[in-house]
């Protein structure tokens, strides 16, 4: 049986992926994703494959096209003490 990081290969997929949701408050150093190719670090986020929070704040996501015209999701943190951007009305 193959062992990876103390887990059997059968259960290794369960530990990967995103660990937080939008609007959730996190503290500095919190793990946001593990081995994620789908998410890129945005504002106040450190890391490449394992993304972590660089400061305390609220999680929000943005989607942008990269240089290859592919849509990429960025994970950002709005620091504590800053006001949220005003919502646009649909008028």
C-alpha atoms as a PDB file:
ATOM      1  CA  UNK A   1       0.000   0.000   0.000  1.00  0.00           C
ATOM      2  CA  UNK A   2       1.304   3.449  -0.915  1.00  0.00           C
ATOM      3  CA  UNK A   3       1.556   5.987   1.924  1.00  0.00           C
ATOM      4  CA  UNK A   4       1.551   9.727   1.297  1.00  0.00           C
ATOM      5  CA  UNK A   5       1.953  12.135   4.224  1.00  0.00           C
ATOM      6  CA  UNK A   6       0.761   9.584   6.775  1.00  0.00           C
ATOM      7  CA  UNK A   7      -2.440   8.820   4.836  1.00  0.00           C
ATOM      8  CA  UNK A   8      -3.252   5.916   2.591  1.00  0.00           C
ATOM      9  CA  UNK A   9      -3.535   6.788  -1.084  1.00  0.00           C
ATOM     10  CA  UNK A  10      -7.233   5.907  -0.949  1.00  0.00           C
ATOM     11  CA  UNK A  11      -8.027   8.858   1.367  1.00  0.00           C
ATOM     12  CA  UNK A  12      -5.419  11.331   0.102  1.00  0.00           C
ATOM     13  CA  UNK A  13      -7.853  13.092  -2.269  1.00  0.00           C
ATOM     14  CA  UNK A  14     -10.077  14.030   0.680  1.00  0.00           C
ATOM     15  CA  UNK A  15      -7.364  16.237   2.197  1.00  0.00           C
ATOM     16  CA  UNK A  16      -6.814  18.308  -0.964  1.00  0.00           C
ATOM     17  CA  UNK A  17      -8.803  21.312  -2.095  1.00  0.00           C
ATOM     18  CA  UNK A  18     -10.205  24.526  -0.734  1.00  0.00           C
ATOM     19  CA  UNK A  19     -10.616  24.842   3.029  1.00  0.00           C
ATOM     20  CA  UNK A  20     -12.553  28.144   3.321  1.00  0.00           C
ATOM     21  CA  UNK A  21     -15.620  29.769   1.806  1.00  0.00           C
ATOM     22  CA  UNK A  22     -16.414  33.306   0.700  1.00  0.00           C
ATOM     23  CA  UNK A  23     -17.349  35.708   3.502  1.00  0.00           C
ATOM     24  CA  UNK A  24     -15.588  33.616   6.140  1.00  0.00           C
ATOM     25  CA  UNK A  25     -13.290  35.415   8.603  1.00  0.00           C
ATOM     26  CA  UNK A  26      -9.781  33.958   8.912  1.00  0.00           C
ATOM     27  CA  UNK A  27      -6.696  34.650  10.996  1.00  0.00           C
ATOM     28  CA  UNK A  28      -3.177  35.167   9.694  1.00  0.00           C
ATOM     29  CA  UNK A  29      -1.500  31.877   8.771  1.00  0.00           C
ATOM     30  CA  UNK A  30      -4.739  29.969   8.114  1.00  0.00           C
ATOM     31  CA  UNK A  31      -4.494  27.369   5.340  1.00  0.00           C
ATOM     32  CA  UNK A  32      -6.857  28.351   2.515  1.00  0.00           C
ATOM     33  CA  UNK A  33      -6.118  25.587  -0.019  1.00  0.00           C
ATOM     34  CA  UNK A  34      -3.984  22.469  -0.292  1.00  0.00           C
ATOM     35  CA  UNK A  35      -2.466  21.480  -3.626  1.00  0.00           C
ATOM     36  CA  UNK A  36      -4.850  23.580  -5.673  1.00  0.00           C
ATOM     37  CA  UNK A  37      -4.200  24.268  -9.337  1.00  0.00           C
ATOM     38  CA  UNK A  38      -7.598  25.938  -9.634  1.00  0.00           C
ATOM     39  CA  UNK A  39      -6.928  28.873  -7.311  1.00  0.00           C
ATOM     40  CA  UNK A  40      -4.279  31.580  -7.458  1.00  0.00           C
ATOM     41  CA  UNK A  41      -3.077  33.886  -4.659  1.00  0.00           C
ATOM     42  CA  UNK A  42      -4.646  37.327  -4.700  1.00  0.00           C
ATOM     43  CA  UNK A  43      -4.489  40.259  -2.293  1.00  0.00           C
ATOM     44  CA  UNK A  44      -3.059  39.386   1.175  1.00  0.00           C
ATOM     45  CA  UNK A  45      -2.556  35.690   0.285  1.00  0.00           C
ATOM     46  CA  UNK A  46       0.805  33.857   0.324  1.00  0.00           C
ATOM     47  CA  UNK A  47       1.932  30.679  -1.373  1.00  0.00           C
ATOM     48  CA  UNK A  48       1.782  28.896  -4.669  1.00  0.00           C
ATOM     49  CA  UNK A  49       0.334  25.409  -4.235  1.00  0.00           C
ATOM     50  CA  UNK A  50      -0.632  25.709  -0.552  1.00  0.00           C
ATOM     51  CA  UNK A  51      -2.271  29.112  -0.111  1.00  0.00           C
ATOM     52  CA  UNK A  52      -2.224  30.726   3.339  1.00  0.00           C
ATOM     53  CA  UNK A  53      -3.626  33.954   4.778  1.00  0.00           C
ATOM     54  CA  UNK A  54      -1.104  36.795   5.157  1.00  0.00           C
ATOM     55  CA  UNK A  55      -3.352  38.834   7.499  1.00  0.00           C
ATOM     56  CA  UNK A  56      -6.580  38.652   9.499  1.00  0.00           C
ATOM     57  CA  UNK A  57      -9.704  39.407   7.489  1.00  0.00           C
ATOM     58  CA  UNK A  58     -12.603  38.238   5.341  1.00  0.00           C
ATOM     59  CA  UNK A  59     -12.286  35.938   2.310  1.00  0.00           C
ATOM     60  CA  UNK A  60     -13.591  36.964  -1.102  1.00  0.00           C
ATOM     61  CA  UNK A  61     -13.077  35.538  -4.583  1.00  0.00           C
ATOM     62  CA  UNK A  62     -12.489  37.232  -7.930  1.00  0.00           C
ATOM     63  CA  UNK A  63     -12.380  35.731 -11.412  1.00  0.00           C
ATOM     64  CA  UNK A  64     -10.184  37.148 -14.181  1.00  0.00           C
ATOM     65  CA  UNK A  65      -8.898  36.025 -17.538  1.00  0.00           C
ATOM     66  CA  UNK A  66      -5.177  35.287 -17.664  1.00  0.00           C
ATOM     67  CA  UNK A  67      -2.869  35.921 -20.603  1.00  0.00           C
ATOM     68  CA  UNK A  68      -4.067  32.684 -22.240  1.00  0.00           C
ATOM     69  CA  UNK A  69      -7.745  33.845 -22.154  1.00  0.00           C
ATOM     70  CA  UNK A  70      -8.547  31.239 -19.486  1.00  0.00           C
ATOM     71  CA  UNK A  71     -10.656  32.279 -16.492  1.00  0.00           C
ATOM     72  CA  UNK A  72      -8.759  31.925 -13.194  1.00  0.00           C
ATOM     73  CA  UNK A  73     -10.166  32.246  -9.663  1.00  0.00           C
ATOM     74  CA  UNK A  74      -8.155  34.374  -7.234  1.00  0.00           C
ATOM     75  CA  UNK A  75      -8.533  34.110  -3.456  1.00  0.00           C
ATOM     76  CA  UNK A  76      -8.293  37.491  -1.705  1.00  0.00           C
ATOM     77  CA  UNK A  77      -8.527  38.712   1.879  1.00  0.00           C
ATOM     78  CA  UNK A  78     -10.171  41.981   2.875  1.00  0.00           C
ATOM     79  CA  UNK A  79      -8.223  43.060   6.007  1.00  0.00           C
ATOM     80  CA  UNK A  80     -10.085  43.694   9.255  1.00  0.00           C
ATOM     81  CA  UNK A  81     -11.019  47.319   9.822  1.00  0.00           C
ATOM     82  CA  UNK A  82     -11.593  48.143   6.136  1.00  0.00           C
ATOM     83  CA  UNK A  83     -15.066  48.704   4.780  1.00  0.00           C
ATOM     84  CA  UNK A  84     -16.507  46.453   2.108  1.00  0.00           C
ATOM     85  CA  UNK A  85     -16.985  47.868  -1.377  1.00  0.00           C
ATOM     86  CA  UNK A  86     -20.520  49.204  -1.919  1.00  0.00           C
ATOM     87  CA  UNK A  87     -22.833  46.858  -3.782  1.00  0.00           C
ATOM     88  CA  UNK A  88     -23.915  47.946  -7.261  1.00  0.00           C
ATOM     89  CA  UNK A  89     -27.632  48.304  -7.800  1.00  0.00           C
ATOM     90  CA  UNK A  90     -29.183  46.714 -10.862  1.00  0.00           C
ATOM     91  CA  UNK A  91     -30.923  49.902 -12.081  1.00  0.00           C
END
